[in-house]
Amino acid sequence: MDDLLALVDGRATHSTLTALRSSVQDYWRRDNAHGGATLRPAVVGHLRYAGRLLDSAEGGLRHDLQGIAAELARLSGWAYFDARQYSTARTYFTQALKLAHAHGDRLFMANVLSCMSLLATYDGNPNDAVTLACRAQDAARAAGEQPLVMSMLHLREAFAHATLRDAQACHQSVGRSRDQYERSGGNEAEAPSWVHYFDETKLLVDTGIAYARLGEPARAEPLITEGLRRENADQRRGRAFHAYWLASAQLQLGKLDEACTSAGLALDLTAAIDSPRVSGHVRELHRRMVPYAREAPVLAFEQRMRDTLG
């Protein structure tokens, strides 16, 4: 790949940057609809290409290209995160953080740090996740008033506290997230494009996930249910993830039939995407159903899972 890219004319133009931005937007759309695992070769290839362009770019073009390269590095990290290859994901997130620093974009640094916080939560390092989420908030504050960004960042901190089963800290973070969202008025115009996904529906469902992680399923279930009801059908990866958390909350509540129904929805959606992270959640949920292994709904779900995931 490097040899092939070396043959490409390495001079950046305004049209080159426009094309790269369009590719990034398309990659994020495809990631949400189909999962990030299969995007890795294309995204990493674009990142390498942007890196080669940086070698010769100057002035304003170089500055803009640094921002695009930072976004491509974050996207690469996210794709590997979705593939459950956490060490590689961390490498790309670190690269994104360095590029954002060189670009002088503190808000984007906060965005990358929030991704690293979520990665640390998944990778069994919740204390690191809290630290990274707090550093992300500090970076965002240094960039100025951005309540929508801060709302998202407080929920990332809530996830980490929930994993630590620190109920007080989790509830405080959820409250701060809600307060910041109300301050924002849901207004995307003042916020960077990468946080536009964080709307009222996302606030609801992420709050529910924080409660489910914390072990408060009665609080979690109605929030995630409402979030799923509101979400667009084409958000398959997100809906699969949220259906898993709804099933998890229902299982904690002893609602076995409802949990198997929600797990079935997660399974159906997982079959249409390539996201080892989500399919791993579905398998984990099945393992938690072992005490009910002889119940008819669990037997039916197990058979569907074998047919779908092997």
Protein backbone atom coordinates (compact mmCIF):
# COMPACT_ATOMS: atom_id res chain seq x y z
CA MET A 1 0.00 0.00 0.00
CA ASP A 2 2.80 2.44 0.88
CA ASP A 3 4.55 1.76 -2.43
CA LEU A 4 1.33 2.37 -4.35
CA LEU A 5 0.60 5.57 -2.46
CA ALA A 6 4.12 6.79 -3.18
CA LEU A 7 3.18 6.88 -6.85
CA VAL A 8 0.32 9.29 -6.19
CA ASP A 9 0.93 12.98 -6.76
CA GLY A 10 1.59 14.22 -3.25
CA ARG A 11 0.33 17.78 -3.57
CA ALA A 12 -2.77 18.87 -1.67
CA THR A 13 -5.32 21.18 -3.27
CA HIS A 14 -8.60 22.63 -2.04
CA SER A 15 -10.48 20.06 -4.10
CA THR A 16 -8.41 17.27 -2.51
CA LEU A 17 -9.48 18.44 0.93
CA THR A 18 -13.12 18.67 -0.16
CA ALA A 19 -12.98 15.10 -1.45
CA LEU A 20 -11.37 13.85 1.76
CA ARG A 21 -14.02 15.54 3.92
CA SER A 22 -16.73 13.95 1.79
CA SER A 23 -15.11 10.54 2.24
CA VAL A 24 -14.96 10.99 6.02
CA GLN A 25 -18.68 11.85 6.14
CA ASP A 26 -19.49 8.80 4.04
CA TYR A 27 -17.37 6.54 6.24
CA TRP A 28 -19.21 7.67 9.37
CA ARG A 29 -22.57 7.08 7.70
CA ARG A 30 -21.52 3.59 6.64
CA ASP A 31 -20.05 2.89 10.10
CA ASN A 32 -23.40 3.67 11.72
CA ALA A 33 -25.38 1.64 9.21
CA HIS A 34 -23.12 -1.38 8.75
CA GLY A 35 -20.47 -1.39 11.49
CA GLY A 36 -16.86 -0.28 11.34
CA ALA A 37 -14.94 -3.53 10.99
CA THR A 38 -15.00 -3.72 7.18
CA LEU A 39 -14.12 -0.04 6.81
CA ARG A 40 -10.63 -0.43 8.28
CA PRO A 41 -8.58 -0.95 5.06
CA ALA A 42 -10.20 2.00 3.29
CA VAL A 43 -10.00 4.39 6.24
CA VAL A 44 -6.40 3.51 7.09
CA GLY A 45 -5.48 3.89 3.42
CA HIS A 46 -7.00 7.38 3.37
CA LEU A 47 -5.15 8.23 6.58
CA ARG A 48 -1.82 7.21 5.03
CA TYR A 49 -2.63 9.25 1.94
CA ALA A 50 -3.43 12.31 4.09
CA GLY A 51 -0.13 11.79 5.92
CA ARG A 52 1.78 11.85 2.64
CA LEU A 53 0.00 15.01 1.58
CA LEU A 54 1.01 16.62 4.88
CA ASP A 55 4.68 16.14 4.00
CA SER A 56 4.46 18.75 1.23
CA ALA A 57 1.44 20.88 2.23
CA GLU A 58 2.01 24.44 3.46
CA GLY A 59 0.10 27.30 5.03
CA GLY A 60 -3.67 27.10 5.26
CA LEU A 61 -3.84 23.87 3.29
CA ARG A 62 -1.52 22.17 5.76
CA HIS A 63 -3.56 23.44 8.71
CA ASP A 64 -6.84 22.14 7.22
CA LEU A 65 -5.24 18.86 6.24
CA GLN A 66 -4.07 18.30 9.82
CA GLY A 67 -7.70 18.50 10.94
CA ILE A 68 -8.83 16.01 8.29
CA ALA A 69 -5.99 13.64 9.16
CA ALA A 70 -6.98 13.85 12.84
CA GLU A 71 -10.54 12.88 11.94
CA LEU A 72 -9.30 9.98 9.78
CA ALA A 73 -7.09 8.76 12.63
CA ARG A 74 -10.04 8.93 15.05
CA LEU A 75 -12.20 7.07 12.55
CA SER A 76 -9.48 4.42 12.18
CA GLY A 77 -9.37 4.05 15.94
CA TRP A 78 -13.14 3.76 16.11
CA ALA A 79 -13.20 1.08 13.38
CA TYR A 80 -10.65 -1.00 15.28
CA PHE A 81 -12.55 -0.38 18.52
CA ASP A 82 -15.72 -1.72 16.87
CA ALA A 83 -13.69 -4.74 15.77
CA ARG A 84 -12.63 -5.27 19.44
CA GLN A 85 -8.96 -4.75 18.58
CA TYR A 86 -8.38 -2.39 21.44
CA SER A 87 -4.60 -2.04 21.37
CA THR A 88 -4.62 -1.01 17.70
CA ALA A 89 -7.54 1.32 18.36
CA ARG A 90 -5.56 3.01 21.13
CA THR A 91 -2.64 3.57 18.74
CA TYR A 92 -4.85 5.38 16.23
CA PHE A 93 -6.61 7.42 18.90
CA THR A 94 -3.19 8.53 20.17
CA GLN A 95 -2.25 9.55 16.62
CA ALA A 96 -5.53 11.48 16.33
CA LEU A 97 -4.78 13.28 19.59
CA LYS A 98 -1.33 14.34 18.36
CA LEU A 99 -2.74 15.57 15.04
CA ALA A 100 -5.50 17.52 16.79
CA HIS A 101 -2.88 19.10 19.06
CA ALA A 102 -0.81 20.11 16.04
CA HIS A 103 -3.98 21.52 14.47
CA GLY A 104 -4.64 23.51 17.65
CA ASP A 105 -8.17 22.11 17.98
CA ARG A 106 -8.88 21.63 21.68
CA LEU A 107 -12.48 20.62 21.07
CA PHE A 108 -11.41 17.80 18.80
CA MET A 109 -8.82 16.76 21.38
CA ALA A 110 -11.72 16.49 23.83
CA ASN A 111 -13.57 14.33 21.31
CA VAL A 112 -10.63 11.95 20.93
CA LEU A 113 -10.12 11.76 24.70
CA SER A 114 -13.79 10.83 25.09
CA CYS A 115 -13.28 7.96 22.63
CA MET A 116 -10.25 6.84 24.61
CA SER A 117 -12.36 6.97 27.78
CA LEU A 118 -14.97 4.67 26.24
CA LEU A 119 -12.21 2.35 25.05
CA ALA A 120 -10.75 2.20 28.56
CA THR A 121 -14.21 1.33 29.93
CA TYR A 122 -14.48 -1.58 27.51
CA ASP A 123 -10.88 -2.67 28.07
CA GLY A 124 -11.38 -3.12 31.81
CA ASN A 125 -9.73 0.11 32.96
CA PRO A 126 -12.62 2.17 34.39
CA ASN A 127 -10.35 4.34 36.57
CA ASP A 128 -8.43 5.39 33.45
CA ALA A 129 -11.77 5.97 31.75
CA VAL A 130 -12.79 8.45 34.46
CA THR A 131 -9.46 10.29 34.16
CA LEU A 132 -9.71 10.50 30.36
CA ALA A 133 -13.31 11.75 30.48
CA CYS A 134 -12.34 14.46 32.96
CA ARG A 135 -9.35 15.50 30.83
CA ALA A 136 -11.70 15.69 27.84
CA GLN A 137 -13.94 18.04 29.80
CA ASP A 138 -10.97 20.22 30.72
CA ALA A 139 -9.93 20.44 27.06
CA ALA A 140 -13.47 21.37 26.03
CA ARG A 141 -13.71 24.08 28.71
CA ALA A 142 -10.43 25.56 27.50
CA ALA A 143 -11.97 25.89 24.03
CA GLY A 144 -14.94 27.93 25.27
CA GLU A 145 -18.62 27.40 25.97
CA GLN A 146 -19.84 24.22 24.26
CA PRO A 147 -22.74 22.80 26.32
CA LEU A 148 -23.68 20.10 23.81
CA VAL A 149 -20.11 18.78 23.81
CA MET A 150 -19.98 18.93 27.60
CA SER A 151 -23.27 17.02 27.84
CA MET A 152 -21.81 14.17 25.79
CA LEU A 153 -18.58 14.19 27.79
CA HIS A 154 -20.35 14.01 31.15
CA LEU A 155 -22.21 10.90 30.00
CA ARG A 156 -18.92 9.28 28.99
CA GLU A 157 -17.76 9.93 32.54
CA ALA A 158 -21.02 8.45 33.84
CA PHE A 159 -20.31 5.22 31.93
CA ALA A 160 -16.96 4.90 33.69
CA HIS A 161 -18.41 5.59 37.15
CA ALA A 162 -21.17 3.06 36.46
CA THR A 163 -18.60 0.41 35.60
CA LEU A 164 -16.95 1.14 38.94
CA ARG A 165 -20.40 0.87 40.57
CA ASP A 166 -19.97 4.35 42.03
CA ALA A 167 -23.65 5.30 42.15
CA GLN A 168 -23.21 8.79 43.56
CA ALA A 169 -20.59 9.85 41.01
CA CYS A 170 -22.59 8.26 38.17
CA HIS A 171 -25.78 10.11 39.09
CA GLN A 172 -23.88 13.37 39.45
CA SER A 173 -22.40 12.97 35.96
CA VAL A 174 -25.81 12.13 34.50
CA GLY A 175 -27.26 15.23 36.17
CA ARG A 176 -24.49 17.43 34.75
CA SER A 177 -25.06 15.94 31.31
CA ARG A 178 -28.76 16.72 31.47
CA ASP A 179 -28.10 20.26 32.71
CA GLN A 180 -25.63 20.95 29.90
CA TYR A 181 -28.02 19.56 27.31
CA GLU A 182 -30.77 21.88 28.56
CA ARG A 183 -28.31 24.77 28.34
CA SER A 184 -27.60 23.86 24.73
CA GLY A 185 -31.28 23.80 23.85
CA GLY A 186 -30.41 20.93 21.50
CA ASN A 187 -28.96 23.59 19.19
CA GLU A 188 -26.43 22.07 16.80
CA ALA A 189 -25.59 25.32 15.01
CA GLU A 190 -22.98 26.36 17.59
CA ALA A 191 -21.53 22.87 18.05
CA PRO A 192 -18.92 21.02 15.94
CA SER A 193 -20.34 18.58 13.40
CA TRP A 194 -18.94 15.51 15.16
CA VAL A 195 -21.28 15.99 18.13
CA HIS A 196 -24.47 16.55 16.11
CA TYR A 197 -25.40 12.89 16.66
CA PHE A 198 -25.90 13.67 20.35
CA ASP A 199 -29.56 14.69 20.32
CA GLU A 200 -32.31 14.24 22.91
CA THR A 201 -32.84 10.62 21.85
CA LYS A 202 -29.16 9.84 22.33
CA LEU A 203 -29.22 11.59 25.71
CA LEU A 204 -32.15 9.40 26.79
CA VAL A 205 -30.69 6.10 25.65
CA ASP A 206 -27.16 6.79 26.92
CA THR A 207 -28.58 7.75 30.31
CA GLY A 208 -30.42 4.45 30.31
CA ILE A 209 -27.22 2.59 29.43
CA ALA A 210 -25.39 4.30 32.28
CA TYR A 211 -28.11 3.11 34.69
CA ALA A 212 -27.98 -0.41 33.22
CA ARG A 213 -24.19 -0.48 33.70
CA LEU A 214 -24.70 0.75 37.26
CA GLY A 215 -27.16 -2.07 38.06
CA GLU A 216 -30.30 0.11 38.20
CA PRO A 217 -32.42 -1.65 35.56
CA ALA A 218 -35.75 -0.16 36.65
CA ARG A 219 -34.42 3.31 35.77
CA ALA A 220 -32.75 2.06 32.61
CA GLU A 221 -35.57 0.14 30.92
CA PRO A 222 -38.03 2.97 30.13
CA LEU A 223 -35.27 5.29 28.90
CA ILE A 224 -33.76 2.76 26.50
CA THR A 225 -37.23 1.67 25.34
CA GLU A 226 -38.12 5.26 24.47
CA GLY A 227 -34.78 5.77 22.75
CA LEU A 228 -35.30 2.71 20.56
CA ARG A 229 -38.80 3.88 19.70
CA ARG A 230 -37.47 7.22 18.48
CA GLU A 231 -34.41 6.04 16.56
CA ASN A 232 -34.27 5.84 12.78
CA ALA A 233 -34.45 2.35 11.30
CA ASP A 234 -31.25 2.90 9.30
CA GLN A 235 -29.19 3.29 12.51
CA ARG A 236 -28.69 -0.45 12.63
CA ARG A 237 -25.49 -0.67 14.66
CA GLY A 238 -26.74 1.80 17.26
CA ARG A 239 -30.13 0.10 17.48
CA ALA A 240 -28.50 -3.32 17.88
CA PHE A 241 -26.34 -1.96 20.69
CA HIS A 242 -29.32 -0.32 22.40
CA ALA A 243 -31.49 -3.42 22.04
CA TYR A 244 -28.75 -5.39 23.81
CA TRP A 245 -28.77 -2.95 26.73
CA LEU A 246 -32.57 -3.08 26.90
CA ALA A 247 -32.42 -6.88 27.04
CA SER A 248 -29.72 -6.64 29.72
CA ALA A 249 -31.90 -4.37 31.87
CA GLN A 250 -34.94 -6.60 31.40
CA LEU A 251 -32.92 -9.68 32.34
CA GLN A 252 -31.78 -7.93 35.52
CA LEU A 253 -35.45 -7.26 36.29
CA GLY A 254 -36.37 -10.92 35.77
CA LYS A 255 -38.47 -10.17 32.69
CA LEU A 256 -37.29 -13.20 30.77
CA ASP A 257 -39.79 -13.08 27.88
CA GLU A 258 -39.17 -9.37 27.26
CA ALA A 259 -35.40 -9.83 27.54
CA CYS A 260 -35.45 -12.59 24.92
CA THR A 261 -37.59 -10.46 22.62
CA SER A 262 -35.18 -7.52 22.90
CA ALA A 263 -32.22 -9.86 22.50
CA GLY A 264 -33.86 -11.20 19.34
CA LEU A 265 -34.07 -7.66 17.97
CA ALA A 266 -30.40 -7.12 18.76
CA LEU A 267 -29.58 -10.41 17.05
CA ASP A 268 -31.56 -9.55 13.91
CA LEU A 269 -29.84 -6.19 13.63
CA THR A 270 -26.42 -7.70 14.33
CA ALA A 271 -26.90 -10.10 11.42
CA ALA A 272 -27.09 -7.10 9.06
CA ILE A 273 -23.88 -5.41 10.22
CA ASP A 274 -20.21 -6.23 10.75
CA SER A 275 -19.54 -5.23 14.33
CA PRO A 276 -17.68 -7.76 16.51
CA ARG A 277 -18.28 -5.42 19.45
CA VAL A 278 -22.06 -5.78 19.14
CA SER A 279 -22.03 -9.49 18.32
CA GLY A 280 -19.79 -9.96 21.38
CA HIS A 281 -22.45 -8.26 23.50
CA VAL A 282 -25.12 -10.62 22.15
CA ARG A 283 -23.00 -13.67 23.02
CA GLU A 284 -22.33 -12.24 26.48
CA LEU A 285 -26.07 -11.82 27.00
CA HIS A 286 -26.63 -15.46 26.07
CA ARG A 287 -24.06 -16.53 28.68
CA ARG A 288 -25.97 -14.56 31.31
CA MET A 289 -29.10 -16.53 30.41
CA VAL A 290 -27.51 -19.84 31.47
CA PRO A 291 -29.54 -20.02 34.73
CA TYR A 292 -32.68 -20.04 32.54
CA ALA A 293 -31.26 -22.41 29.90
CA ARG A 294 -34.29 -24.74 29.92
CA GLU A 295 -36.88 -21.98 29.57
CA ALA A 296 -38.64 -21.92 26.19
CA PRO A 297 -37.82 -18.26 25.31
CA VAL A 298 -34.12 -18.86 26.03
CA LEU A 299 -34.05 -22.06 24.00
CA ALA A 300 -35.64 -20.24 21.06
CA PHE A 301 -33.16 -17.36 21.33
CA GLU A 302 -30.23 -19.77 21.57
CA GLN A 303 -31.30 -21.54 18.39
CA ARG A 304 -31.69 -18.22 16.55
CA MET A 305 -28.26 -17.14 17.75
CA ARG A 306 -26.66 -20.35 16.48
CA ASP A 307 -28.35 -19.93 13.12
CA THR A 308 -27.29 -16.31 12.86
CA LEU A 309 -23.83 -16.12 14.47
CA GLY A 310 -22.74 -19.76 14.29
